[in-house]
Structures are given as C-alpha cells and as structure tokens.
Amino acid sequence: MNGEAENDAQRIDHERSLGINAGALSGVPCGIKDLIDATGMPTTAGSNFPHEVATQDAAVVKLIRAAGAVILGKTATHEFAFGPTGDVAATGPTCNPHDPTKMSGGSSSGSGAAVAAGHVPFALGTDTGGSVRIPAALCGTIGLRPTSGALDANGVIPLAPTLDTVGILASDVDGASRVWGVISGTASDAVMAVPETVKVGLIADRFYSKVSTDVANSMKKAVHTLRNAGVIVTEVTLGWLEESITVYDHIQGSEAVATHRQRLLEHPELFQKEVRMRLQGAQRVQERDYRSALTRRLQWQARVDEYFGDYDVLVCPTTPITAPLIGQRSGFDAGWTSAKEALLSFTSPWSVLGVPSLAMPMGNDSDGMPTSVQLIGRPNCEQSVFSIGLLFEELISATNPLLERSPR
C-alpha cells in the first residue's frame, strides 16, 4: 500500500470510530487505470513519452475518493489504450492471472488482472471499443461500459473522444453497481427490481456465429439455464453489426491519429512498434470516410428502440474466443485472422451504438480459461442492465460449477 493510500485508510478508520459515514465505498481498495489522473501519481499511459505526476484527480477519481475508496495505485494499460491485447506497453505485457502465458486483454489490462487476481474488488478502466469488457472477458470479471457521454472524462487521456468512456471492472455485479452509483451521481438509486417476465434477445446475426467451440458451448448452457428459470430468450437479427466494424475502425482510427498527431511527428520512435504501426495505418482513413462513419452511427442510434423492441436486454458473447497466448497475432480459433479482429468484433458495435454493455463470466473453457457473456441495454438504463445481471449471475453461479473468478 502506498503512503497516501495508508493515510486514507487510517483517516477512514478514524472517521468510522467517530461514527462518521465515510461514503458508499468507505475503505474499499481499488486500482486506477494508468490513463486516468490521480493526485500524486504519474499518468504514463503505458508509454515511454514524458509524463508528469498528476496535481489533481480526474473527475471520476474525485467521486470515488469522496465516497471513501482507497486507491492502492495505478493499473497497467496497453500503450495509450490503443490495443485490445494488453501485452504492448513500455512496462511489458500484463499476464492473465488464470494462466500467465496468456493475455489479460486490453486496453484496461491491469484493471482486469488486478480484480481477477483478488488484489482489489474493483478498478476503473476506460473503454473505446471494448477496453473494459475484453479484459473482463479474458480474466473472468464483471466489466461495465456505460452509455456514451454519461460520465465526465475530465482528467482522462483520450484516444477517440467520440467513443471513449470510463468504465468499471469488478468482482461481482453488486460491486460494479455500487461503483456506478458513485461515479454517475446515482448512488441513492437501488438496483431496479427484475421484471416479472424477463425477455432477452439473443443476437443471431450470422457474424456472431463465428465463435470457438468452448464459447459456443458456454452460450448454449447460459441460454438453457435462463430458459429453465422462466426467462424468455428469443433470437434476434439486427443486420448492421458486421458493417459497424468498419464504422468503428474509421471513427476510432481517425480520432486516434488526431490525438497523437504531434507525438507521431516529433517522436515516433518512442511508441511501441505495434502501436506506432497501427497509428500510421490509421492515417490512411480519408476525411470523407470518417464523416460517413459518424453519419452512419447517428442513423443507427436513431433506431435504437427498434433494435431492442420489447426485450429487456440483448445478449451475445463478449469475445468469440478465450484468452490467446501473450504475443499471439494469428492462428486463432473460429477462423479469426488477427488479434484485433478476434477481440474487438463483438464489443465494438455497442461502442458505436453508445449503449451500456455489461460483460459477465459464464464459466471456464476446457483449459480453465474464462468465457463471458455480454448484456446490452438501452441508453441510460445501466440499473436495468444490472438487475438482469444480478439474476444472470445468480442463475449461472448456481448451475455452473466451472464458474470460478479467482485464478487457479
């Protein structure tokens, strides 16, 4: 524990002894992704570029401190959050607690690994195309990407502002909900009651059938469990999900280049090679393609009620594969040709749509690695997603002996 964390813990203990309510997160330890400012700590973004010690907290950090959380330190990130693998950073790769030869997922790699390893019950991350949900999936934790624009991004290093958001990794749904209440300003709101009849839309677009055998089996078990509990699960085809991958790439790539243009011009050699090459490749996106992608995004967002119909949530795998080996960039299950495609393709569509998405563990594969399901809700309906998540968590935990979040 760092000195400041120890002081915070002692202060909270003293306040408790005096009967003072220190807040909703009183004494709860946590980690902060090294892209988010926390007073007295450097914000390096996982890079070799010059950095400074933060002189004030990011907006979300102020809120969790005020609620009594104790920040143990910064958690690792894929360099500048520009990658879904979590194994490219100035500090080296982040290992998966379930198997240190495998990826933790990124870009919020350290936050996912710290929660999965049991070091902290929650950690803050950021999510542009899946950077909270991917490490949650590969490490076996809860991971929330909230509605776009719901949280104050002040004090957070950007990647692609149209898509960026702070998110939460936690050991269970209740913990994620409590943290969400604090950083969203809805701490007094209880998790909504589960509807008497729960209706789930199971994403059935052909693109989403491209999953490994283990992920497919886990999804079948999850659907079977839900139906046995009386949940209505119906297949739904949306039709735009595969196209959204290109839309995501054009928005994220263009904005990432704009964010890092000066660094690319002045000191390209300071970037990790893979990140530099990806940024340089993104420079080929034309302005007209970027503008067209923004327009397409708005068109889809205008139809969000149509997509959800009378479903409480939509459901799909968080990632189509389990954690690959550190450094692996080819040879994936289900025919995926790159790590980027394999890890981002099921999460980035919901980033484009800007809706809340909750990654949840749903058991381990034949090698003991976590699999994950993604619950997707309507805009600004995080509490509704949490309520379904609590039900899902209870049902899956009760029927799946392989559901194990702690590393072996």
Protein backbone atom coordinates (compact mmCIF):
# COMPACT_ATOMS: atom_id res chain seq x y z
CA MET A 1 0.00 0.00 0.00
CA ASN A 2 1.42 3.42 -0.94
CA GLY A 3 1.75 6.17 1.67
CA GLU A 4 -1.28 8.12 0.51
CA ALA A 5 -3.44 5.01 0.48
CA GLU A 6 -2.31 4.16 4.00
CA ASN A 7 -3.18 7.68 5.15
CA ASP A 8 -6.61 7.43 3.52
CA ALA A 9 -7.25 4.09 5.20
CA GLN A 10 -6.24 5.45 8.61
CA ARG A 11 -8.44 8.51 8.14
CA ILE A 12 -11.41 6.35 7.22
CA ASP A 13 -10.83 4.09 10.23
CA HIS A 14 -10.75 7.19 12.47
CA GLU A 15 -13.95 8.55 10.94
CA ARG A 16 -15.65 5.20 11.47
CA SER A 17 -14.59 5.19 15.12
CA LEU A 18 -16.31 8.56 15.48
CA GLY A 19 -19.45 7.29 13.80
CA ILE A 20 -18.90 9.39 10.69
CA ASN A 21 -20.26 7.93 7.46
CA ALA A 22 -17.29 7.95 5.10
CA GLY A 23 -19.30 7.14 1.98
CA ALA A 24 -20.69 4.33 -0.14
CA LEU A 25 -17.20 2.95 -0.87
CA SER A 26 -15.78 3.54 2.61
CA GLY A 27 -12.45 1.73 2.94
CA VAL A 28 -12.83 -0.23 -0.30
CA PRO A 29 -9.45 -0.61 -2.06
CA CYS A 30 -9.25 -0.08 -5.81
CA GLY A 31 -6.95 0.45 -8.75
CA ILE A 32 -6.98 3.22 -11.36
CA LYS A 33 -6.02 2.65 -14.98
CA ASP A 34 -2.82 4.49 -15.86
CA LEU A 35 -4.73 6.71 -18.27
CA ILE A 36 -6.71 8.41 -15.50
CA ASP A 37 -5.24 11.14 -13.28
CA ALA A 38 -4.93 10.53 -9.55
CA THR A 39 -3.27 13.18 -7.40
CA GLY A 40 0.33 12.39 -6.53
CA MET A 41 0.65 9.57 -9.07
CA PRO A 42 2.21 9.66 -12.55
CA THR A 43 -0.03 9.12 -15.56
CA THR A 44 2.19 7.34 -18.09
CA ALA A 45 -0.46 5.76 -20.37
CA GLY A 46 1.84 2.73 -20.54
CA SER A 47 4.30 4.67 -22.71
CA ASN A 48 7.86 5.96 -22.78
CA PHE A 49 6.72 9.51 -23.54
CA PRO A 50 7.45 12.21 -20.94
CA HIS A 51 4.81 12.36 -18.24
CA GLU A 52 4.04 14.28 -15.09
CA VAL A 53 2.73 13.48 -11.64
CA ALA A 54 -0.93 14.46 -11.51
CA THR A 55 -1.67 17.52 -9.39
CA GLN A 56 -5.40 16.83 -9.22
CA ASP A 57 -7.77 13.94 -9.57
CA ALA A 58 -9.77 13.13 -12.67
CA ALA A 59 -13.47 13.82 -12.20
CA VAL A 60 -14.34 10.16 -11.60
CA VAL A 61 -11.46 9.75 -9.15
CA LYS A 62 -12.69 12.70 -7.11
CA LEU A 63 -16.04 10.97 -6.80
CA ILE A 64 -14.72 7.61 -5.63
CA ARG A 65 -12.37 9.31 -3.15
CA ALA A 66 -15.28 11.33 -1.78
CA ALA A 67 -17.18 8.05 -1.38
CA GLY A 68 -14.33 6.64 0.72
CA ALA A 69 -12.48 4.42 -1.77
CA VAL A 70 -8.79 3.81 -1.06
CA ILE A 71 -6.65 3.96 -4.22
CA LEU A 72 -3.86 1.40 -3.96
CA GLY A 73 -2.18 2.51 -7.18
CA LYS A 74 -2.25 2.66 -10.95
CA THR A 75 -3.02 -0.37 -13.12
CA ALA A 76 -1.30 -1.20 -16.39
CA THR A 77 -2.68 -0.25 -19.79
CA HIS A 78 -1.92 -1.19 -23.37
CA GLU A 79 0.11 1.79 -24.63
CA PHE A 80 -2.21 4.82 -24.93
CA ALA A 81 -5.15 2.37 -24.74
CA PHE A 82 -4.62 1.61 -28.45
CA GLY A 83 -4.93 -2.17 -28.48
CA PRO A 84 -7.19 -4.97 -27.21
CA THR A 85 -4.49 -7.45 -26.16
CA GLY A 86 -2.89 -5.81 -23.11
CA ASP A 87 0.56 -7.12 -23.99
CA VAL A 88 2.07 -4.00 -25.60
CA ALA A 89 3.33 -1.34 -23.18
CA ALA A 90 6.56 0.24 -22.01
CA THR A 91 6.25 -1.84 -18.83
CA GLY A 92 5.75 -5.07 -20.75
CA PRO A 93 2.75 -7.38 -21.07
CA THR A 94 0.09 -7.87 -18.41
CA CYS A 95 -0.31 -11.59 -17.70
CA ASN A 96 -3.64 -13.31 -17.19
CA PRO A 97 -4.00 -14.45 -13.56
CA HIS A 98 -5.55 -17.75 -14.71
CA ASP A 99 -2.53 -18.56 -16.88
CA PRO A 100 0.47 -16.19 -17.00
CA THR A 101 1.36 -17.31 -20.53
CA LYS A 102 -1.89 -15.81 -21.82
CA MET A 103 -3.20 -12.30 -22.49
CA SER A 104 -5.17 -10.35 -19.94
CA GLY A 105 -6.91 -8.43 -22.72
CA GLY A 106 -6.80 -4.70 -23.17
CA SER A 107 -6.56 -1.99 -23.05
CA SER A 108 -7.55 -1.94 -19.35
CA SER A 109 -5.26 -4.92 -18.83
CA GLY A 110 -4.04 -4.22 -15.32
CA SER A 111 -7.50 -3.39 -14.02
CA GLY A 112 -8.89 -6.70 -15.26
CA ALA A 113 -5.94 -8.69 -13.93
CA ALA A 114 -5.94 -6.94 -10.53
CA VAL A 115 -9.63 -7.70 -9.97
CA ALA A 116 -9.36 -11.27 -11.24
CA ALA A 117 -6.35 -11.93 -9.00
CA GLY A 118 -8.26 -10.67 -5.98
CA HIS A 119 -5.96 -7.71 -5.30
CA VAL A 120 -8.86 -5.24 -5.41
CA PRO A 121 -12.66 -5.68 -5.58
CA PHE A 122 -12.92 -3.05 -8.31
CA ALA A 123 -10.82 -0.93 -10.62
CA LEU A 124 -11.53 1.89 -13.03
CA GLY A 125 -10.69 1.44 -16.69
CA THR A 126 -11.57 3.08 -19.98
CA ASP A 127 -13.44 1.59 -22.91
CA THR A 128 -13.35 2.82 -26.52
CA GLY A 129 -14.17 -0.34 -28.45
CA GLY A 130 -14.06 -2.94 -25.69
CA SER A 131 -11.17 -1.97 -23.43
CA VAL A 132 -13.08 -2.73 -20.22
CA ARG A 133 -15.18 -5.65 -21.49
CA ILE A 134 -12.33 -7.53 -23.20
CA PRO A 135 -10.10 -7.83 -20.09
CA ALA A 136 -13.24 -8.63 -18.09
CA ALA A 137 -13.98 -11.46 -20.53
CA LEU A 138 -10.45 -12.87 -20.72
CA CYS A 139 -9.81 -12.59 -16.97
CA GLY A 140 -13.27 -13.60 -15.75
CA THR A 141 -14.60 -10.46 -14.08
CA ILE A 142 -17.54 -8.09 -14.42
CA GLY A 143 -16.91 -5.22 -16.84
CA LEU A 144 -19.21 -2.25 -17.48
CA ARG A 145 -19.06 0.10 -20.45
CA PRO A 146 -21.72 2.73 -19.66
CA THR A 147 -23.82 4.85 -22.00
CA SER A 148 -21.64 7.15 -24.09
CA GLY A 149 -21.38 10.61 -22.54
CA ALA A 150 -22.76 9.53 -19.17
CA LEU A 151 -19.51 10.20 -17.28
CA ASP A 152 -17.22 13.21 -17.01
CA ALA A 153 -13.99 12.48 -18.93
CA ASN A 154 -12.03 15.37 -17.41
CA GLY A 155 -8.57 14.18 -16.35
CA VAL A 156 -8.57 11.11 -18.64
CA ILE A 157 -6.12 10.86 -21.56
CA PRO A 158 -8.27 10.49 -24.69
CA LEU A 159 -7.94 8.05 -27.55
CA ALA A 160 -11.04 8.60 -29.69
CA PRO A 161 -13.35 11.05 -27.86
CA THR A 162 -16.49 10.12 -29.81
CA LEU A 163 -16.23 6.57 -28.44
CA ASP A 164 -14.22 6.89 -25.21
CA THR A 165 -15.73 6.38 -21.78
CA VAL A 166 -14.58 5.50 -18.29
CA GLY A 167 -15.75 2.03 -17.22
CA ILE A 168 -15.71 -0.32 -14.24
CA LEU A 169 -14.18 -3.75 -13.63
CA ALA A 170 -15.43 -5.53 -10.53
CA SER A 171 -15.58 -8.92 -8.88
CA ASP A 172 -19.39 -9.06 -8.90
CA VAL A 173 -22.44 -7.26 -10.27
CA ASP A 174 -23.39 -5.69 -6.95
CA GLY A 175 -19.92 -4.16 -6.60
CA ALA A 176 -20.00 -2.76 -10.12
CA SER A 177 -23.45 -1.30 -9.43
CA ARG A 178 -22.25 0.43 -6.25
CA VAL A 179 -19.29 2.00 -8.03
CA TRP A 180 -21.55 3.05 -10.89
CA GLY A 181 -23.87 4.76 -8.42
CA VAL A 182 -20.94 6.81 -7.12
CA ILE A 183 -19.35 7.89 -10.40
CA SER A 184 -22.67 8.52 -12.14
CA GLY A 185 -24.19 10.52 -9.28
CA THR A 186 -26.99 8.00 -8.77
CA ALA A 187 -25.67 6.46 -5.55
CA SER A 188 -29.06 6.74 -3.86
CA ASP A 189 -30.70 4.60 -6.54
CA ALA A 190 -31.12 0.92 -5.78
CA VAL A 191 -30.70 -1.69 -8.48
CA MET A 192 -34.05 -1.94 -10.23
CA ALA A 193 -36.24 -4.94 -9.47
CA VAL A 194 -36.13 -7.69 -12.07
CA PRO A 195 -39.25 -7.58 -14.26
CA GLU A 196 -41.75 -10.37 -13.56
CA THR A 197 -41.19 -11.63 -17.09
CA VAL A 198 -37.67 -11.14 -18.42
CA LYS A 199 -37.25 -11.00 -22.18
CA VAL A 200 -33.81 -11.49 -23.68
CA GLY A 201 -32.87 -11.01 -27.33
CA LEU A 202 -30.15 -13.46 -28.32
CA ILE A 203 -28.09 -11.92 -31.12
CA ALA A 204 -28.35 -14.29 -34.08
CA ASP A 205 -26.62 -12.35 -36.88
CA ARG A 206 -24.50 -14.82 -38.88
CA PHE A 207 -21.40 -12.81 -37.97
CA TYR A 208 -21.94 -13.74 -34.31
CA SER A 209 -21.82 -17.47 -35.02
CA LYS A 210 -18.08 -17.22 -35.60
CA VAL A 211 -17.07 -18.44 -32.12
CA SER A 212 -14.84 -21.12 -30.67
CA THR A 213 -16.39 -24.42 -29.60
CA ASP A 214 -15.89 -23.57 -25.93
CA VAL A 215 -17.58 -20.18 -26.26
CA ALA A 216 -20.45 -21.73 -28.24
CA ASN A 217 -20.96 -24.40 -25.57
CA SER A 218 -20.91 -21.82 -22.78
CA MET A 219 -23.52 -19.72 -24.57
CA LYS A 220 -25.76 -22.77 -25.05
CA LYS A 221 -25.50 -23.58 -21.36
CA ALA A 222 -26.28 -19.99 -20.42
CA VAL A 223 -29.34 -19.85 -22.67
CA HIS A 224 -30.54 -23.23 -21.38
CA THR A 225 -30.18 -22.02 -17.78
CA LEU A 226 -32.09 -18.82 -18.46
CA ARG A 227 -34.93 -20.63 -20.20
CA ASN A 228 -35.20 -23.17 -17.39
CA ALA A 229 -35.63 -20.25 -14.98
CA GLY A 230 -38.53 -18.87 -16.99
CA VAL A 231 -36.61 -16.19 -18.90
CA ILE A 232 -37.93 -15.72 -22.43
CA VAL A 233 -34.96 -15.98 -24.81
CA THR A 234 -35.65 -15.25 -28.49
CA GLU A 235 -33.21 -14.96 -31.36
CA VAL A 236 -32.96 -11.51 -32.95
CA THR A 237 -31.12 -10.40 -36.11
CA LEU A 238 -30.11 -6.75 -36.36
CA GLY A 239 -28.39 -6.71 -39.74
CA TRP A 240 -25.87 -3.91 -39.20
CA LEU A 241 -23.37 -5.44 -36.78
CA GLU A 242 -20.74 -6.53 -39.30
CA GLU A 243 -20.85 -3.15 -41.04
CA SER A 244 -20.32 -1.45 -37.70
CA ILE A 245 -16.79 -2.89 -37.51
CA THR A 246 -15.71 -0.69 -40.42
CA VAL A 247 -17.59 2.30 -38.98
CA TYR A 248 -15.80 1.76 -35.67
CA ASP A 249 -12.39 1.49 -37.35
CA HIS A 250 -12.91 4.73 -39.28
CA ILE A 251 -14.01 6.73 -36.24
CA GLN A 252 -11.51 5.30 -33.81
CA GLY A 253 -8.59 5.36 -36.25
CA SER A 254 -9.18 8.95 -37.40
CA GLU A 255 -9.59 10.28 -33.88
CA ALA A 256 -6.63 8.31 -32.51
CA VAL A 257 -4.40 9.83 -35.23
CA ALA A 258 -5.69 13.31 -34.34
CA THR A 259 -4.99 12.66 -30.66
CA HIS A 260 -1.41 11.52 -31.30
CA ARG A 261 -0.51 13.56 -34.40
CA GLN A 262 2.07 15.69 -32.60
CA ARG A 263 3.71 12.69 -30.97
CA LEU A 264 3.87 10.90 -34.33
CA LEU A 265 5.51 13.93 -35.93
CA GLU A 266 8.02 14.67 -33.20
CA HIS A 267 8.95 11.34 -31.61
CA PRO A 268 7.56 8.32 -33.48
CA GLU A 269 10.41 6.21 -32.10
CA LEU A 270 9.03 6.47 -28.56
CA PHE A 271 5.92 4.49 -29.45
CA GLN A 272 5.88 0.73 -29.08
CA LYS A 273 6.34 -0.61 -32.61
CA GLU A 274 2.91 -2.23 -32.91
CA VAL A 275 1.10 0.87 -31.69
CA ARG A 276 3.11 3.12 -34.00
CA MET A 277 2.37 0.92 -37.00
CA ARG A 278 -1.33 0.85 -36.18
CA LEU A 279 -1.44 4.64 -35.89
CA GLN A 280 0.42 5.04 -39.15
CA GLY A 281 -2.01 2.67 -40.83
CA ALA A 282 -4.94 4.68 -39.48
CA GLN A 283 -3.59 7.77 -41.23
CA ARG A 284 -4.92 6.26 -44.46
CA VAL A 285 -8.54 6.80 -43.37
CA GLN A 286 -9.97 9.58 -45.54
CA GLU A 287 -11.90 12.51 -44.09
CA ARG A 288 -14.95 11.53 -46.16
CA ASP A 289 -14.86 8.01 -44.67
CA TYR A 290 -14.68 9.46 -41.17
CA ARG A 291 -17.63 11.79 -41.80
CA SER A 292 -19.61 8.97 -43.40
CA ALA A 293 -18.94 6.77 -40.36
CA LEU A 294 -20.21 9.46 -37.98
CA THR A 295 -23.38 9.78 -40.05
CA ARG A 296 -23.94 6.03 -40.08
CA ARG A 297 -23.51 5.94 -36.31
CA LEU A 298 -26.19 8.60 -35.84
CA GLN A 299 -28.55 6.67 -38.12
CA TRP A 300 -28.17 3.52 -36.02
CA GLN A 301 -28.57 5.44 -32.77
CA ALA A 302 -31.84 6.91 -34.05
CA ARG A 303 -33.21 3.36 -34.43
CA VAL A 304 -32.14 2.03 -31.03
CA ASP A 305 -35.72 1.49 -29.79
CA GLU A 306 -36.43 -0.57 -32.90
CA TYR A 307 -33.43 -2.80 -32.23
CA PHE A 308 -34.48 -3.52 -28.65
CA GLY A 309 -38.20 -3.94 -29.33
CA ASP A 310 -39.74 -5.41 -26.17
CA TYR A 311 -36.50 -7.03 -24.98
CA ASP A 312 -35.09 -6.07 -21.59
CA VAL A 313 -31.53 -6.76 -22.79
CA LEU A 314 -29.74 -8.13 -25.83
CA VAL A 315 -27.19 -10.89 -25.28
CA CYS A 316 -24.12 -12.16 -27.12
CA PRO A 317 -20.64 -13.45 -26.27
CA THR A 318 -18.25 -10.74 -25.10
CA THR A 319 -15.42 -12.23 -27.15
CA PRO A 320 -15.62 -15.11 -29.63
CA ILE A 321 -12.50 -16.78 -28.20
CA THR A 322 -10.88 -17.20 -24.81
CA ALA A 323 -7.54 -15.64 -23.87
CA PRO A 324 -4.83 -16.15 -26.53
CA LEU A 325 -1.15 -16.52 -25.74
CA ILE A 326 0.79 -13.34 -25.00
CA GLY A 327 2.14 -12.02 -28.29
CA GLN A 328 -0.13 -14.22 -30.41
CA ARG A 329 -1.29 -12.41 -33.54
CA SER A 330 -2.52 -15.27 -35.74
CA GLY A 331 -3.77 -18.86 -35.57
CA PHE A 332 -6.96 -18.20 -33.61
CA ASP A 333 -9.99 -20.41 -33.14
CA ALA A 334 -13.11 -19.93 -35.30
CA GLY A 335 -11.15 -18.58 -38.26
CA TRP A 336 -10.24 -15.14 -36.96
CA THR A 337 -7.15 -13.80 -38.75
CA SER A 338 -5.88 -11.22 -36.23
CA ALA A 339 -5.98 -10.50 -32.52
CA LYS A 340 -7.62 -7.13 -33.14
CA GLU A 341 -10.49 -8.64 -35.12
CA ALA A 342 -10.98 -11.56 -32.76
CA LEU A 343 -11.12 -9.47 -29.61
CA LEU A 344 -12.92 -6.31 -30.78
CA SER A 345 -15.56 -7.59 -33.19
CA PHE A 346 -18.23 -8.45 -30.59
CA THR A 347 -17.69 -5.41 -28.36
CA SER A 348 -17.13 -2.51 -30.77
CA PRO A 349 -20.67 -2.48 -32.26
CA TRP A 350 -22.11 -1.48 -28.89
CA SER A 351 -19.46 1.23 -28.55
CA VAL A 352 -20.64 2.63 -31.88
CA LEU A 353 -24.28 2.46 -30.74
CA GLY A 354 -23.24 4.06 -27.42
CA VAL A 355 -25.33 1.81 -25.18
CA PRO A 356 -24.46 0.25 -21.81
CA SER A 357 -22.83 -3.18 -22.06
CA LEU A 358 -22.02 -5.48 -19.16
CA ALA A 359 -19.50 -8.31 -19.57
CA MET A 360 -20.14 -11.23 -17.21
CA PRO A 361 -18.29 -14.50 -16.55
CA MET A 362 -20.25 -17.56 -17.63
CA GLY A 363 -17.86 -20.40 -16.82
CA ASN A 364 -14.47 -21.67 -17.89
CA ASP A 365 -13.44 -23.47 -21.06
CA SER A 366 -11.84 -26.90 -21.27
CA ASP A 367 -8.46 -25.34 -20.40
CA GLY A 368 -9.81 -23.49 -17.37
CA MET A 369 -9.91 -20.08 -19.07
CA PRO A 370 -12.92 -17.79 -18.58
CA THR A 371 -15.70 -17.33 -21.09
CA SER A 372 -18.02 -14.33 -20.96
CA VAL A 373 -21.46 -13.13 -21.97
CA GLN A 374 -22.34 -9.54 -22.79
CA LEU A 375 -25.63 -7.99 -21.63
CA ILE A 376 -26.57 -4.95 -23.70
CA GLY A 377 -29.13 -2.39 -22.56
CA ARG A 378 -30.91 0.69 -23.81
CA PRO A 379 -29.20 4.10 -23.43
CA ASN A 380 -29.05 5.33 -19.82
CA CYS A 381 -30.53 2.08 -18.50
CA GLU A 382 -27.50 0.86 -16.55
CA GLN A 383 -29.60 -0.03 -13.49
CA SER A 384 -31.88 -2.21 -15.61
CA VAL A 385 -28.82 -3.99 -17.03
CA PHE A 386 -27.51 -4.52 -13.51
CA SER A 387 -30.83 -6.00 -12.39
CA ILE A 388 -30.76 -8.56 -15.21
CA GLY A 389 -27.07 -9.08 -14.49
CA LEU A 390 -27.79 -9.98 -10.86
CA LEU A 391 -30.36 -12.53 -11.99
CA PHE A 392 -27.98 -13.93 -14.57
CA GLU A 393 -25.14 -14.08 -12.04
CA GLU A 394 -27.29 -15.98 -9.55
CA LEU A 395 -28.57 -18.48 -12.09
CA ILE A 396 -25.23 -19.19 -13.75
CA SER A 397 -23.37 -19.45 -10.43
CA ALA A 398 -25.94 -21.90 -9.08
CA THR A 399 -25.81 -24.21 -12.09
CA ASN A 400 -22.24 -23.95 -13.36
CA PRO A 401 -19.54 -25.48 -11.11
CA LEU A 402 -16.88 -24.18 -13.52
CA LEU A 403 -17.70 -20.55 -12.76
CA GLU A 404 -14.59 -19.52 -10.90
CA ARG A 405 -13.25 -15.98 -10.91
CA SER A 406 -10.15 -16.48 -8.79
CA PRO A 407 -7.03 -17.60 -10.66
CA ARG A 408 -6.01 -21.19 -10.37
